[in-house]
Amino acid sequence: MEDRHSNEPPESMANPWTEESYDERYRAHGSLWSGKPNPVLLSETADLAPGSVLDAGSGEGADAIWLASRGWQVTAVDFSSVALERAAVRARENAPTLGQRITRLHRDLTSWQPSKVDYDLVCAQFLQLAAAQRAVVFGSLAAAVAPGGMLLIVGHDASDRALGVHRPSRPEVYFTADAIAAQLLEPGAWEVSVSGPRERTVTSADGQTIVVHDEILRAHRRH
């Protein structure tokens, strides 16, 4: 399974955190991500019955397509219109009926609040944001989980910076699962089943096998 690149844009870009800069980044590549669903999503949701899911920062749609293929009703949110258009094309290429299971929203997660607050699954893969933005975004995502539903947040571990793989250079965008759980999840309202780093092997651009680490938070809202 190929590693998905980081969500951080090149530091050389002017105003890197705008929709325009991300649209430009997507246009510069035929495919920005691997085209495969993220492996932690596969492993952590395989035992769930399909329901409604919010895919935050959905990019080119690999996660949304995989979820839809398993019967989920997907709300895929991203602030890049180019990414959303590309995701729609890829869904049609996989199977015409998948598009009926995916609703795409063109929204900026740092200012958008989900209008629906009863998703069975809310997932965010590698949203590497600075602390203030992270608290707002992850807080709104946690609030959108239905009673009995699951929150899945996955991020790059800061230790990966020393491995020579493509990772964000800004230290402030890294987080630990334990810190997110302590900051956002009230113990009486949530049951945390996974919180911490996990190893995963990837193949680098030069063909080497490298062990990387994902910070994983998996939690269920209590009924």
N, C-alpha and C. Protein backbone atom coordinates (compact mmCIF):
# COMPACT_ATOMS: atom_id res chain seq x y z
N MET A 1 0.85 -1.19 0.00
CA MET A 1 0.00 0.00 0.00
C MET A 1 0.88 1.24 0.00
N GLU A 2 0.66 2.10 -0.95
CA GLU A 2 1.44 3.31 -1.02
C GLU A 2 1.07 4.27 0.11
N ASP A 3 2.06 5.02 0.56
CA ASP A 3 1.79 6.03 1.57
C ASP A 3 1.15 7.23 0.92
N ARG A 4 0.18 7.80 1.60
CA ARG A 4 -0.42 9.03 1.12
C ARG A 4 0.48 10.18 1.53
N HIS A 5 0.72 11.12 0.63
CA HIS A 5 1.56 12.26 0.96
C HIS A 5 0.89 13.11 2.03
N SER A 6 1.68 13.98 2.64
CA SER A 6 1.14 14.88 3.64
C SER A 6 0.21 15.90 3.00
N ASN A 7 -0.69 16.46 3.82
CA ASN A 7 -1.60 17.49 3.34
C ASN A 7 -0.96 18.87 3.32
N GLU A 8 0.29 18.99 3.73
CA GLU A 8 0.89 20.31 3.78
C GLU A 8 1.43 20.71 2.43
N PRO A 9 1.11 21.92 1.96
CA PRO A 9 1.62 22.40 0.68
C PRO A 9 3.07 22.82 0.80
N PRO A 10 3.78 22.93 -0.34
CA PRO A 10 5.16 23.38 -0.30
C PRO A 10 5.28 24.75 0.34
N GLU A 11 6.32 24.94 1.16
CA GLU A 11 6.49 26.22 1.84
C GLU A 11 6.78 27.35 0.86
N SER A 12 7.21 27.02 -0.35
CA SER A 12 7.52 28.04 -1.33
C SER A 12 6.26 28.70 -1.89
N MET A 13 5.09 28.09 -1.67
CA MET A 13 3.86 28.65 -2.21
C MET A 13 3.48 29.90 -1.43
N ALA A 14 3.04 30.94 -2.16
CA ALA A 14 2.50 32.10 -1.49
C ALA A 14 1.11 31.76 -0.96
N ASN A 15 0.82 32.20 0.27
CA ASN A 15 -0.48 31.92 0.89
C ASN A 15 -0.87 30.45 0.73
N PRO A 16 -0.10 29.52 1.32
CA PRO A 16 -0.29 28.09 1.03
C PRO A 16 -1.59 27.52 1.54
N TRP A 17 -2.27 28.19 2.49
CA TRP A 17 -3.46 27.60 3.08
C TRP A 17 -4.74 28.11 2.48
N THR A 18 -4.70 28.53 1.23
CA THR A 18 -5.91 28.99 0.56
C THR A 18 -6.43 27.93 -0.40
N GLU A 19 -7.71 28.05 -0.71
CA GLU A 19 -8.30 27.15 -1.70
C GLU A 19 -7.56 27.27 -3.03
N GLU A 20 -7.22 28.49 -3.40
CA GLU A 20 -6.55 28.71 -4.69
C GLU A 20 -5.21 27.99 -4.76
N SER A 21 -4.44 28.02 -3.68
CA SER A 21 -3.14 27.36 -3.70
C SER A 21 -3.28 25.85 -3.80
N TYR A 22 -4.31 25.30 -3.13
CA TYR A 22 -4.53 23.86 -3.24
C TYR A 22 -5.04 23.48 -4.62
N ASP A 23 -5.93 24.29 -5.18
CA ASP A 23 -6.38 24.02 -6.54
C ASP A 23 -5.20 24.00 -7.50
N GLU A 24 -4.29 24.96 -7.32
CA GLU A 24 -3.10 25.01 -8.17
C GLU A 24 -2.24 23.77 -7.99
N ARG A 25 -2.14 23.33 -6.74
CA ARG A 25 -1.34 22.14 -6.46
C ARG A 25 -1.94 20.90 -7.12
N TYR A 26 -3.26 20.76 -7.04
CA TYR A 26 -3.91 19.62 -7.69
C TYR A 26 -3.76 19.68 -9.21
N ARG A 27 -3.91 20.86 -9.78
CA ARG A 27 -3.79 20.98 -11.24
C ARG A 27 -2.39 20.63 -11.73
N ALA A 28 -1.39 20.82 -10.87
CA ALA A 28 -0.01 20.55 -11.26
C ALA A 28 0.32 19.07 -11.28
N HIS A 29 -0.60 18.23 -10.79
CA HIS A 29 -0.35 16.79 -10.72
C HIS A 29 -1.54 16.03 -11.32
N GLY A 30 -1.23 15.01 -12.10
CA GLY A 30 -2.30 14.16 -12.59
C GLY A 30 -2.99 13.42 -11.47
N SER A 31 -2.23 13.09 -10.44
CA SER A 31 -2.78 12.48 -9.23
C SER A 31 -1.88 12.90 -8.08
N LEU A 32 -2.45 13.60 -7.12
CA LEU A 32 -1.65 14.10 -6.00
C LEU A 32 -1.43 13.02 -4.95
N TRP A 33 -2.45 12.19 -4.71
CA TRP A 33 -2.36 11.13 -3.72
C TRP A 33 -2.19 9.78 -4.41
N SER A 34 -2.11 8.72 -3.63
CA SER A 34 -1.81 7.39 -4.18
C SER A 34 -2.97 6.81 -4.98
N GLY A 35 -4.20 7.28 -4.74
CA GLY A 35 -5.36 6.69 -5.39
C GLY A 35 -5.93 5.50 -4.65
N LYS A 36 -5.32 5.15 -3.52
CA LYS A 36 -5.79 4.02 -2.71
C LYS A 36 -6.33 4.54 -1.38
N PRO A 37 -7.31 3.86 -0.81
CA PRO A 37 -7.83 4.29 0.49
C PRO A 37 -6.75 4.16 1.56
N ASN A 38 -6.82 5.03 2.54
CA ASN A 38 -5.81 5.00 3.60
C ASN A 38 -5.92 3.72 4.42
N PRO A 39 -4.79 3.08 4.69
CA PRO A 39 -4.83 1.76 5.34
C PRO A 39 -5.42 1.77 6.74
N VAL A 40 -5.24 2.86 7.49
CA VAL A 40 -5.83 2.89 8.83
C VAL A 40 -7.35 2.92 8.74
N LEU A 41 -7.88 3.61 7.75
CA LEU A 41 -9.34 3.61 7.56
C LEU A 41 -9.83 2.19 7.32
N LEU A 42 -9.12 1.44 6.49
CA LEU A 42 -9.52 0.06 6.20
C LEU A 42 -9.51 -0.79 7.45
N SER A 43 -8.43 -0.71 8.21
CA SER A 43 -8.30 -1.58 9.37
C SER A 43 -9.24 -1.21 10.51
N GLU A 44 -9.50 0.08 10.69
CA GLU A 44 -10.27 0.53 11.84
C GLU A 44 -11.78 0.55 11.60
N THR A 45 -12.21 0.45 10.36
CA THR A 45 -13.65 0.48 10.09
C THR A 45 -14.17 -0.82 9.49
N ALA A 46 -13.32 -1.81 9.32
CA ALA A 46 -13.73 -3.05 8.67
C ALA A 46 -14.83 -3.77 9.45
N ASP A 47 -14.89 -3.56 10.77
CA ASP A 47 -15.88 -4.27 11.58
C ASP A 47 -17.17 -3.47 11.78
N LEU A 48 -17.30 -2.33 11.13
CA LEU A 48 -18.47 -1.48 11.32
C LEU A 48 -19.55 -1.79 10.30
N ALA A 49 -20.80 -1.78 10.74
CA ALA A 49 -21.91 -1.86 9.80
C ALA A 49 -22.03 -0.51 9.09
N PRO A 50 -22.27 -0.50 7.79
CA PRO A 50 -22.34 0.77 7.08
C PRO A 50 -23.51 1.62 7.53
N GLY A 51 -23.27 2.92 7.52
CA GLY A 51 -24.29 3.90 7.87
C GLY A 51 -23.93 5.20 7.19
N SER A 52 -24.02 6.30 7.92
CA SER A 52 -23.64 7.61 7.38
C SER A 52 -22.25 7.98 7.85
N VAL A 53 -21.45 8.56 6.95
CA VAL A 53 -20.07 8.89 7.29
C VAL A 53 -19.72 10.27 6.74
N LEU A 54 -18.99 11.03 7.54
CA LEU A 54 -18.44 12.31 7.13
C LEU A 54 -16.95 12.11 6.90
N ASP A 55 -16.50 12.31 5.65
CA ASP A 55 -15.10 12.18 5.28
C ASP A 55 -14.53 13.59 5.16
N ALA A 56 -13.79 14.02 6.17
CA ALA A 56 -13.30 15.40 6.26
C ALA A 56 -11.94 15.54 5.58
N GLY A 57 -11.85 16.45 4.63
CA GLY A 57 -10.62 16.59 3.85
C GLY A 57 -10.51 15.44 2.87
N SER A 58 -11.54 15.27 2.05
CA SER A 58 -11.69 14.05 1.24
C SER A 58 -10.77 13.98 0.03
N GLY A 59 -10.16 15.09 -0.37
CA GLY A 59 -9.18 15.06 -1.45
C GLY A 59 -9.73 14.49 -2.75
N GLU A 60 -8.98 13.59 -3.36
CA GLU A 60 -9.36 13.02 -4.65
C GLU A 60 -10.32 11.84 -4.54
N GLY A 61 -10.77 11.54 -3.32
CA GLY A 61 -11.91 10.66 -3.16
C GLY A 61 -11.66 9.19 -2.94
N ALA A 62 -10.42 8.75 -2.74
CA ALA A 62 -10.17 7.32 -2.59
C ALA A 62 -10.88 6.74 -1.37
N ASP A 63 -10.84 7.46 -0.24
CA ASP A 63 -11.51 6.96 0.96
C ASP A 63 -13.02 6.94 0.76
N ALA A 64 -13.56 8.01 0.18
CA ALA A 64 -15.01 8.09 -0.04
C ALA A 64 -15.49 6.98 -0.96
N ILE A 65 -14.73 6.70 -2.01
CA ILE A 65 -15.10 5.64 -2.95
C ILE A 65 -15.10 4.28 -2.25
N TRP A 66 -14.09 4.02 -1.45
CA TRP A 66 -14.01 2.74 -0.73
C TRP A 66 -15.18 2.60 0.23
N LEU A 67 -15.47 3.67 0.98
CA LEU A 67 -16.58 3.62 1.92
C LEU A 67 -17.90 3.39 1.20
N ALA A 68 -18.13 4.11 0.10
CA ALA A 68 -19.37 3.94 -0.67
C ALA A 68 -19.48 2.53 -1.21
N SER A 69 -18.37 1.95 -1.62
CA SER A 69 -18.40 0.59 -2.17
C SER A 69 -18.78 -0.44 -1.11
N ARG A 70 -18.64 -0.08 0.16
CA ARG A 70 -19.01 -0.96 1.26
C ARG A 70 -20.39 -0.65 1.82
N GLY A 71 -21.10 0.26 1.15
CA GLY A 71 -22.48 0.52 1.53
C GLY A 71 -22.71 1.77 2.36
N TRP A 72 -21.65 2.54 2.65
CA TRP A 72 -21.82 3.76 3.43
C TRP A 72 -22.43 4.87 2.58
N GLN A 73 -23.22 5.73 3.23
CA GLN A 73 -23.67 6.98 2.64
C GLN A 73 -22.67 8.06 3.06
N VAL A 74 -21.93 8.58 2.10
CA VAL A 74 -20.75 9.39 2.38
C VAL A 74 -21.02 10.86 2.12
N THR A 75 -20.64 11.71 3.08
CA THR A 75 -20.55 13.14 2.85
C THR A 75 -19.06 13.48 2.81
N ALA A 76 -18.58 13.84 1.63
CA ALA A 76 -17.16 14.10 1.41
C ALA A 76 -16.94 15.61 1.33
N VAL A 77 -16.10 16.14 2.22
CA VAL A 77 -15.92 17.58 2.34
C VAL A 77 -14.47 17.95 2.03
N ASP A 78 -14.30 18.94 1.16
CA ASP A 78 -12.96 19.46 0.87
C ASP A 78 -13.09 20.89 0.38
N PHE A 79 -12.03 21.69 0.58
CA PHE A 79 -12.13 23.08 0.11
C PHE A 79 -11.53 23.29 -1.26
N SER A 80 -11.07 22.22 -1.90
CA SER A 80 -10.55 22.32 -3.27
C SER A 80 -11.61 21.82 -4.25
N SER A 81 -12.10 22.72 -5.08
CA SER A 81 -13.07 22.32 -6.10
C SER A 81 -12.44 21.39 -7.12
N VAL A 82 -11.15 21.57 -7.39
CA VAL A 82 -10.45 20.69 -8.33
C VAL A 82 -10.42 19.26 -7.79
N ALA A 83 -10.12 19.11 -6.52
CA ALA A 83 -10.09 17.78 -5.92
C ALA A 83 -11.47 17.13 -5.95
N LEU A 84 -12.50 17.90 -5.64
CA LEU A 84 -13.85 17.34 -5.63
C LEU A 84 -14.29 16.92 -7.03
N GLU A 85 -13.95 17.71 -8.04
CA GLU A 85 -14.29 17.35 -9.41
C GLU A 85 -13.56 16.07 -9.82
N ARG A 86 -12.30 15.98 -9.44
CA ARG A 86 -11.52 14.78 -9.76
C ARG A 86 -12.09 13.56 -9.04
N ALA A 87 -12.53 13.75 -7.81
CA ALA A 87 -13.12 12.65 -7.06
C ALA A 87 -14.41 12.17 -7.71
N ALA A 88 -15.21 13.09 -8.22
CA ALA A 88 -16.46 12.71 -8.88
C ALA A 88 -16.19 11.87 -10.12
N VAL A 89 -15.18 12.26 -10.89
CA VAL A 89 -14.82 11.51 -12.09
C VAL A 89 -14.37 10.10 -11.71
N ARG A 90 -13.56 9.99 -10.69
CA ARG A 90 -13.04 8.69 -10.29
C ARG A 90 -14.14 7.79 -9.75
N ALA A 91 -15.11 8.37 -9.07
CA ALA A 91 -16.23 7.56 -8.60
C ALA A 91 -17.02 6.99 -9.77
N ARG A 92 -17.24 7.81 -10.80
CA ARG A 92 -17.96 7.33 -11.99
C ARG A 92 -17.16 6.26 -12.70
N GLU A 93 -15.84 6.39 -12.71
CA GLU A 93 -15.00 5.39 -13.37
C GLU A 93 -15.02 4.07 -12.63
N ASN A 94 -15.13 4.10 -11.30
CA ASN A 94 -15.17 2.86 -10.52
C ASN A 94 -16.50 2.14 -10.69
N ALA A 95 -17.59 2.87 -10.57
CA ALA A 95 -18.92 2.29 -10.75
C ALA A 95 -19.92 3.44 -10.77
N PRO A 96 -20.75 3.51 -11.79
CA PRO A 96 -21.70 4.61 -11.89
C PRO A 96 -22.60 4.75 -10.67
N THR A 97 -22.95 3.64 -10.03
CA THR A 97 -23.88 3.71 -8.90
C THR A 97 -23.23 4.27 -7.63
N LEU A 98 -21.90 4.30 -7.56
CA LEU A 98 -21.24 4.81 -6.36
C LEU A 98 -21.57 6.27 -6.12
N GLY A 99 -21.73 7.02 -7.20
CA GLY A 99 -22.02 8.44 -7.05
C GLY A 99 -23.30 8.71 -6.29
N GLN A 100 -24.22 7.75 -6.31
CA GLN A 100 -25.47 7.91 -5.58
C GLN A 100 -25.27 7.83 -4.07
N ARG A 101 -24.15 7.29 -3.65
CA ARG A 101 -23.85 7.14 -2.23
C ARG A 101 -22.93 8.24 -1.70
N ILE A 102 -22.49 9.15 -2.55
CA ILE A 102 -21.52 10.17 -2.14
C ILE A 102 -22.10 11.56 -2.39
N THR A 103 -22.15 12.36 -1.34
CA THR A 103 -22.49 13.78 -1.45
C THR A 103 -21.23 14.58 -1.22
N ARG A 104 -20.87 15.41 -2.18
CA ARG A 104 -19.64 16.20 -2.06
C ARG A 104 -19.97 17.64 -1.69
N LEU A 105 -19.27 18.15 -0.68
CA LEU A 105 -19.47 19.52 -0.23
C LEU A 105 -18.18 20.31 -0.39
N HIS A 106 -18.31 21.45 -1.04
CA HIS A 106 -17.16 22.35 -1.23
C HIS A 106 -17.14 23.32 -0.05
N ARG A 107 -16.36 22.97 1.00
CA ARG A 107 -16.35 23.74 2.23
C ARG A 107 -14.92 23.82 2.79
N ASP A 108 -14.66 24.89 3.51
CA ASP A 108 -13.41 25.06 4.26
C ASP A 108 -13.64 24.56 5.67
N LEU A 109 -12.96 23.50 6.05
CA LEU A 109 -13.20 22.88 7.35
C LEU A 109 -12.88 23.79 8.52
N THR A 110 -12.03 24.79 8.31
CA THR A 110 -11.68 25.67 9.42
C THR A 110 -12.80 26.65 9.77
N SER A 111 -13.79 26.80 8.90
CA SER A 111 -14.89 27.70 9.18
C SER A 111 -16.26 27.03 9.04
N TRP A 112 -16.32 25.83 8.52
CA TRP A 112 -17.57 25.13 8.27
C TRP A 112 -18.01 24.33 9.49
N GLN A 113 -19.27 24.37 9.80
CA GLN A 113 -19.85 23.55 10.86
C GLN A 113 -20.83 22.57 10.24
N PRO A 114 -20.67 21.27 10.46
CA PRO A 114 -21.63 20.31 9.89
C PRO A 114 -23.05 20.61 10.36
N SER A 115 -23.97 20.65 9.42
CA SER A 115 -25.37 20.88 9.78
C SER A 115 -26.00 19.62 10.34
N LYS A 116 -25.45 18.47 9.95
CA LYS A 116 -25.94 17.19 10.45
C LYS A 116 -25.04 16.75 11.60
N VAL A 117 -25.61 16.40 12.72
CA VAL A 117 -24.79 16.06 13.89
C VAL A 117 -25.05 14.63 14.35
N ASP A 118 -25.34 13.76 13.40
CA ASP A 118 -25.61 12.38 13.80
C ASP A 118 -24.97 11.38 12.84
N TYR A 119 -23.72 11.63 12.45
CA TYR A 119 -23.01 10.69 11.58
C TYR A 119 -22.59 9.46 12.39
N ASP A 120 -22.73 8.30 11.76
CA ASP A 120 -22.29 7.06 12.40
C ASP A 120 -20.77 6.95 12.44
N LEU A 121 -20.11 7.62 11.51
CA LEU A 121 -18.65 7.63 11.46
C LEU A 121 -18.20 9.00 10.97
N VAL A 122 -17.24 9.58 11.66
CA VAL A 122 -16.58 10.80 11.20
C VAL A 122 -15.10 10.51 11.16
N CYS A 123 -14.48 10.72 9.99
CA CYS A 123 -13.07 10.39 9.85
C CYS A 123 -12.30 11.55 9.22
N ALA A 124 -11.06 11.71 9.66
CA ALA A 124 -10.16 12.72 9.13
C ALA A 124 -8.78 12.09 9.03
N GLN A 125 -8.27 12.01 7.82
CA GLN A 125 -6.99 11.37 7.57
C GLN A 125 -5.94 12.43 7.22
N PHE A 126 -4.96 12.59 8.09
CA PHE A 126 -3.79 13.44 7.82
C PHE A 126 -4.16 14.90 7.58
N LEU A 127 -5.05 15.43 8.39
CA LEU A 127 -5.30 16.86 8.39
C LEU A 127 -4.26 17.50 9.33
N GLN A 128 -3.15 17.90 8.78
CA GLN A 128 -2.04 18.41 9.57
C GLN A 128 -2.17 19.94 9.67
N LEU A 129 -2.85 20.37 10.72
CA LEU A 129 -3.16 21.78 10.92
C LEU A 129 -2.43 22.33 12.14
N ALA A 130 -2.22 23.63 12.14
CA ALA A 130 -1.67 24.28 13.33
C ALA A 130 -2.65 24.16 14.48
N ALA A 131 -2.17 24.37 15.71
CA ALA A 131 -2.95 24.02 16.91
C ALA A 131 -4.30 24.71 16.97
N ALA A 132 -4.36 26.00 16.69
CA ALA A 132 -5.63 26.73 16.80
C ALA A 132 -6.65 26.20 15.80
N GLN A 133 -6.22 25.99 14.55
CA GLN A 133 -7.13 25.43 13.54
C GLN A 133 -7.52 24.01 13.89
N ARG A 134 -6.55 23.25 14.38
CA ARG A 134 -6.80 21.84 14.71
C ARG A 134 -7.89 21.71 15.77
N ALA A 135 -7.83 22.54 16.79
CA ALA A 135 -8.82 22.46 17.86
C ALA A 135 -10.22 22.75 17.33
N VAL A 136 -10.33 23.74 16.45
CA VAL A 136 -11.63 24.10 15.88
C VAL A 136 -12.17 22.97 15.00
N VAL A 137 -11.32 22.49 14.09
CA VAL A 137 -11.77 21.49 13.12
C VAL A 137 -12.09 20.16 13.82
N PHE A 138 -11.17 19.66 14.61
CA PHE A 138 -11.42 18.37 15.27
C PHE A 138 -12.56 18.47 16.28
N GLY A 139 -12.72 19.64 16.89
CA GLY A 139 -13.83 19.81 17.81
C GLY A 139 -15.17 19.73 17.10
N SER A 140 -15.28 20.37 15.93
CA SER A 140 -16.54 20.31 15.18
C SER A 140 -16.80 18.92 14.63
N LEU A 141 -15.73 18.21 14.28
CA LEU A 141 -15.91 16.84 13.79
C LEU A 141 -16.39 15.92 14.90
N ALA A 142 -15.82 16.07 16.09
CA ALA A 142 -16.25 15.24 17.21
C ALA A 142 -17.72 15.51 17.54
N ALA A 143 -18.13 16.78 17.43
CA ALA A 143 -19.51 17.13 17.75
C ALA A 143 -20.50 16.55 16.76
N ALA A 144 -20.03 16.17 15.57
CA ALA A 144 -20.91 15.64 14.54
C ALA A 144 -21.15 14.14 14.65
N VAL A 145 -20.50 13.47 15.61
CA VAL A 145 -20.65 12.02 15.76
C VAL A 145 -21.94 11.72 16.53
N ALA A 146 -22.72 10.79 16.01
CA ALA A 146 -23.97 10.39 16.64
C ALA A 146 -23.70 9.56 17.89
N PRO A 147 -24.64 9.51 18.83
CA PRO A 147 -24.52 8.56 19.94
C PRO A 147 -24.33 7.15 19.40
N GLY A 148 -23.30 6.48 19.91
CA GLY A 148 -22.96 5.15 19.41
C GLY A 148 -22.06 5.17 18.20
N GLY A 149 -21.82 6.35 17.63
CA GLY A 149 -20.98 6.48 16.44
C GLY A 149 -19.49 6.56 16.77
N MET A 150 -18.68 6.58 15.73
CA MET A 150 -17.24 6.51 15.90
C MET A 150 -16.54 7.72 15.29
N LEU A 151 -15.53 8.21 15.99
CA LEU A 151 -14.63 9.25 15.50
C LEU A 151 -13.28 8.60 15.21
N LEU A 152 -12.74 8.84 14.00
CA LEU A 152 -11.44 8.31 13.63
C LEU A 152 -10.58 9.45 13.11
N ILE A 153 -9.53 9.79 13.85
CA ILE A 153 -8.58 10.83 13.45
C ILE A 153 -7.21 10.19 13.31
N VAL A 154 -6.57 10.43 12.16
CA VAL A 154 -5.26 9.85 11.88
C VAL A 154 -4.31 10.96 11.44
N GLY A 155 -3.12 10.96 12.01
CA GLY A 155 -2.13 11.96 11.63
C GLY A 155 -0.74 11.36 11.53
N HIS A 156 0.16 12.10 10.91
CA HIS A 156 1.56 11.68 10.86
C HIS A 156 2.21 11.87 12.22
N ASP A 157 3.01 10.91 12.64
CA ASP A 157 3.77 11.05 13.87
C ASP A 157 5.02 11.90 13.60
N ALA A 158 5.35 12.76 14.55
CA ALA A 158 6.49 13.67 14.36
C ALA A 158 7.80 12.93 14.15
N SER A 159 7.91 11.70 14.64
CA SER A 159 9.16 10.94 14.49
C SER A 159 9.47 10.63 13.03
N ASP A 160 8.45 10.66 12.16
CA ASP A 160 8.68 10.35 10.75
C ASP A 160 9.55 11.40 10.05
N ARG A 161 9.68 12.58 10.64
CA ARG A 161 10.46 13.63 9.99
C ARG A 161 11.91 13.22 9.80
N ALA A 162 12.40 12.31 10.63
CA ALA A 162 13.79 11.90 10.56
C ALA A 162 14.03 10.75 9.59
N LEU A 163 12.98 10.28 8.92
CA LEU A 163 13.09 9.08 8.09
C LEU A 163 13.39 9.36 6.63
N GLY A 164 13.29 10.60 6.21
CA GLY A 164 13.52 10.92 4.81
C GLY A 164 12.31 10.75 3.93
N VAL A 165 11.12 10.50 4.51
CA VAL A 165 9.89 10.43 3.74
C VAL A 165 9.27 11.82 3.69
N HIS A 166 8.35 12.00 2.74
CA HIS A 166 7.72 13.31 2.58
C HIS A 166 6.77 13.56 3.74
N ARG A 167 7.10 14.54 4.56
CA ARG A 167 6.29 14.91 5.71
C ARG A 167 6.31 16.43 5.87
N PRO A 168 5.30 16.99 6.55
CA PRO A 168 5.31 18.44 6.79
C PRO A 168 6.57 18.87 7.52
N SER A 169 7.10 20.00 7.14
CA SER A 169 8.31 20.51 7.77
C SER A 169 8.03 21.35 9.01
N ARG A 170 6.79 21.84 9.16
CA ARG A 170 6.45 22.71 10.27
C ARG A 170 6.09 21.87 11.50
N PRO A 171 6.86 21.96 12.56
CA PRO A 171 6.60 21.10 13.73
C PRO A 171 5.25 21.33 14.38
N GLU A 172 4.67 22.53 14.22
CA GLU A 172 3.42 22.83 14.91
C GLU A 172 2.21 22.09 14.34
N VAL A 173 2.35 21.45 13.19
CA VAL A 173 1.20 20.76 12.61
C VAL A 173 1.10 19.31 13.05
N TYR A 174 2.07 18.84 13.84
CA TYR A 174 2.00 17.48 14.34
C TYR A 174 1.22 17.44 15.65
N PHE A 175 0.58 16.31 15.91
CA PHE A 175 -0.18 16.14 17.13
C PHE A 175 -0.08 14.69 17.58
N THR A 176 -0.42 14.45 18.82
CA THR A 176 -0.54 13.08 19.31
C THR A 176 -2.00 12.76 19.54
N ALA A 177 -2.34 11.51 19.38
CA ALA A 177 -3.72 11.08 19.60
C ALA A 177 -4.13 11.31 21.05
N ASP A 178 -3.21 11.07 21.98
CA ASP A 178 -3.52 11.27 23.39
C ASP A 178 -3.87 12.72 23.68
N ALA A 179 -3.13 13.65 23.05
CA ALA A 179 -3.40 15.07 23.28
C ALA A 179 -4.77 15.47 22.73
N ILE A 180 -5.13 14.96 21.56
CA ILE A 180 -6.43 15.27 20.98
C ILE A 180 -7.55 14.71 21.86
N ALA A 181 -7.38 13.49 22.33
CA ALA A 181 -8.40 12.88 23.19
C ALA A 181 -8.57 13.68 24.48
N ALA A 182 -7.46 14.08 25.08
CA ALA A 182 -7.54 14.82 26.33
C ALA A 182 -8.16 16.19 26.14
N GLN A 183 -7.90 16.82 25.00
CA GLN A 183 -8.38 18.16 24.74
C GLN A 183 -9.87 18.19 24.37
N LEU A 184 -10.33 17.20 23.60
CA LEU A 184 -11.65 17.29 22.97
C LEU A 184 -12.70 16.32 23.48
N LEU A 185 -12.29 15.20 24.05
CA LEU A 185 -13.25 14.15 24.37
C LEU A 185 -13.48 14.04 25.87
N GLU A 186 -14.70 14.31 26.29
CA GLU A 186 -15.05 14.17 27.70
C GLU A 186 -15.11 12.69 28.06
N PRO A 187 -14.38 12.26 29.09
CA PRO A 187 -14.32 10.83 29.42
C PRO A 187 -15.68 10.19 29.62
N GLY A 188 -16.62 10.90 30.21
CA GLY A 188 -17.93 10.31 30.44
C GLY A 188 -18.76 10.16 29.19
N ALA A 189 -18.40 10.90 28.13
CA ALA A 189 -19.19 10.88 26.90
C ALA A 189 -18.59 9.99 25.82
N TRP A 190 -17.32 9.62 25.99
CA TRP A 190 -16.61 8.88 24.95
C TRP A 190 -15.91 7.66 25.53
N GLU A 191 -15.82 6.62 24.70
CA GLU A 191 -15.00 5.45 25.00
C GLU A 191 -13.88 5.39 23.97
N VAL A 192 -12.65 5.60 24.42
CA VAL A 192 -11.50 5.60 23.53
C VAL A 192 -10.94 4.19 23.44
N SER A 193 -10.93 3.63 22.23
CA SER A 193 -10.45 2.27 22.04
C SER A 193 -9.03 2.22 21.48
N VAL A 194 -8.62 3.26 20.75
CA VAL A 194 -7.26 3.34 20.22
C VAL A 194 -6.78 4.77 20.39
N SER A 195 -5.59 4.94 20.96
CA SER A 195 -5.02 6.27 21.10
C SER A 195 -3.50 6.16 21.19
N GLY A 196 -2.81 6.50 20.10
CA GLY A 196 -1.36 6.43 20.11
C GLY A 196 -0.79 6.11 18.74
N PRO A 197 0.53 5.99 18.65
CA PRO A 197 1.18 5.72 17.38
C PRO A 197 1.14 4.23 17.01
N ARG A 198 1.13 3.97 15.72
CA ARG A 198 1.17 2.60 15.21
C ARG A 198 2.09 2.55 14.00
N GLU A 199 2.89 1.50 13.93
CA GLU A 199 3.83 1.34 12.81
C GLU A 199 3.11 0.88 11.55
N ARG A 200 3.67 1.31 10.41
CA ARG A 200 3.16 0.89 9.10
C ARG A 200 4.32 0.93 8.12
N THR A 201 4.41 -0.05 7.25
CA THR A 201 5.49 -0.07 6.26
C THR A 201 5.01 0.55 4.96
N VAL A 202 5.87 1.35 4.34
CA VAL A 202 5.59 1.96 3.06
C VAL A 202 6.80 1.77 2.16
N THR A 203 6.60 1.97 0.87
CA THR A 203 7.68 1.90 -0.10
C THR A 203 8.02 3.32 -0.55
N SER A 204 9.28 3.70 -0.40
CA SER A 204 9.70 5.04 -0.76
C SER A 204 9.81 5.18 -2.27
N ALA A 205 10.04 6.41 -2.72
CA ALA A 205 10.14 6.68 -4.16
C ALA A 205 11.28 5.91 -4.81
N ASP A 206 12.32 5.60 -4.04
CA ASP A 206 13.46 4.85 -4.60
C ASP A 206 13.35 3.35 -4.34
N GLY A 207 12.18 2.89 -3.90
CA GLY A 207 11.94 1.46 -3.76
C GLY A 207 12.31 0.86 -2.43
N GLN A 208 12.70 1.66 -1.46
CA GLN A 208 13.07 1.14 -0.16
C GLN A 208 11.84 0.96 0.72
N THR A 209 11.88 -0.05 1.57
CA THR A 209 10.82 -0.26 2.55
C THR A 209 11.14 0.50 3.81
N ILE A 210 10.21 1.33 4.24
CA ILE A 210 10.41 2.20 5.40
C ILE A 210 9.26 1.99 6.38
N VAL A 211 9.59 1.98 7.67
CA VAL A 211 8.58 1.90 8.71
C VAL A 211 8.22 3.32 9.14
N VAL A 212 6.96 3.70 8.93
CA VAL A 212 6.48 5.01 9.36
C VAL A 212 5.50 4.81 10.51
N HIS A 213 5.04 5.92 11.06
CA HIS A 213 4.19 5.85 12.25
C HIS A 213 2.99 6.77 12.07
N ASP A 214 1.82 6.25 12.34
CA ASP A 214 0.58 7.02 12.31
C ASP A 214 0.09 7.23 13.74
N GLU A 215 -0.32 8.46 14.05
CA GLU A 215 -1.02 8.73 15.31
C GLU A 215 -2.50 8.45 15.07
N ILE A 216 -3.08 7.55 15.84
CA ILE A 216 -4.46 7.10 15.59
C ILE A 216 -5.31 7.33 16.84
N LEU A 217 -6.43 8.01 16.62
CA LEU A 217 -7.44 8.15 17.67
C LEU A 217 -8.74 7.54 17.17
N ARG A 218 -9.17 6.49 17.83
CA ARG A 218 -10.46 5.86 17.52
C ARG A 218 -11.29 5.90 18.81
N ALA A 219 -12.45 6.53 18.71
CA ALA A 219 -13.30 6.68 19.90
C ALA A 219 -14.75 6.57 19.52
N HIS A 220 -15.56 6.00 20.42
CA HIS A 220 -17.01 5.87 20.22
C HIS A 220 -17.74 6.80 21.19
N ARG A 221 -18.71 7.52 20.67
CA ARG A 221 -19.55 8.32 21.57
C ARG A 221 -20.53 7.40 22.28
N ARG A 222 -20.61 7.55 23.59
CA ARG A 222 -21.51 6.70 24.37
C ARG A 222 -22.96 7.06 24.07
N HIS A 223 -23.83 6.10 24.18
CA HIS A 223 -25.28 6.32 23.94
C HIS A 223 -25.85 7.21 25.03
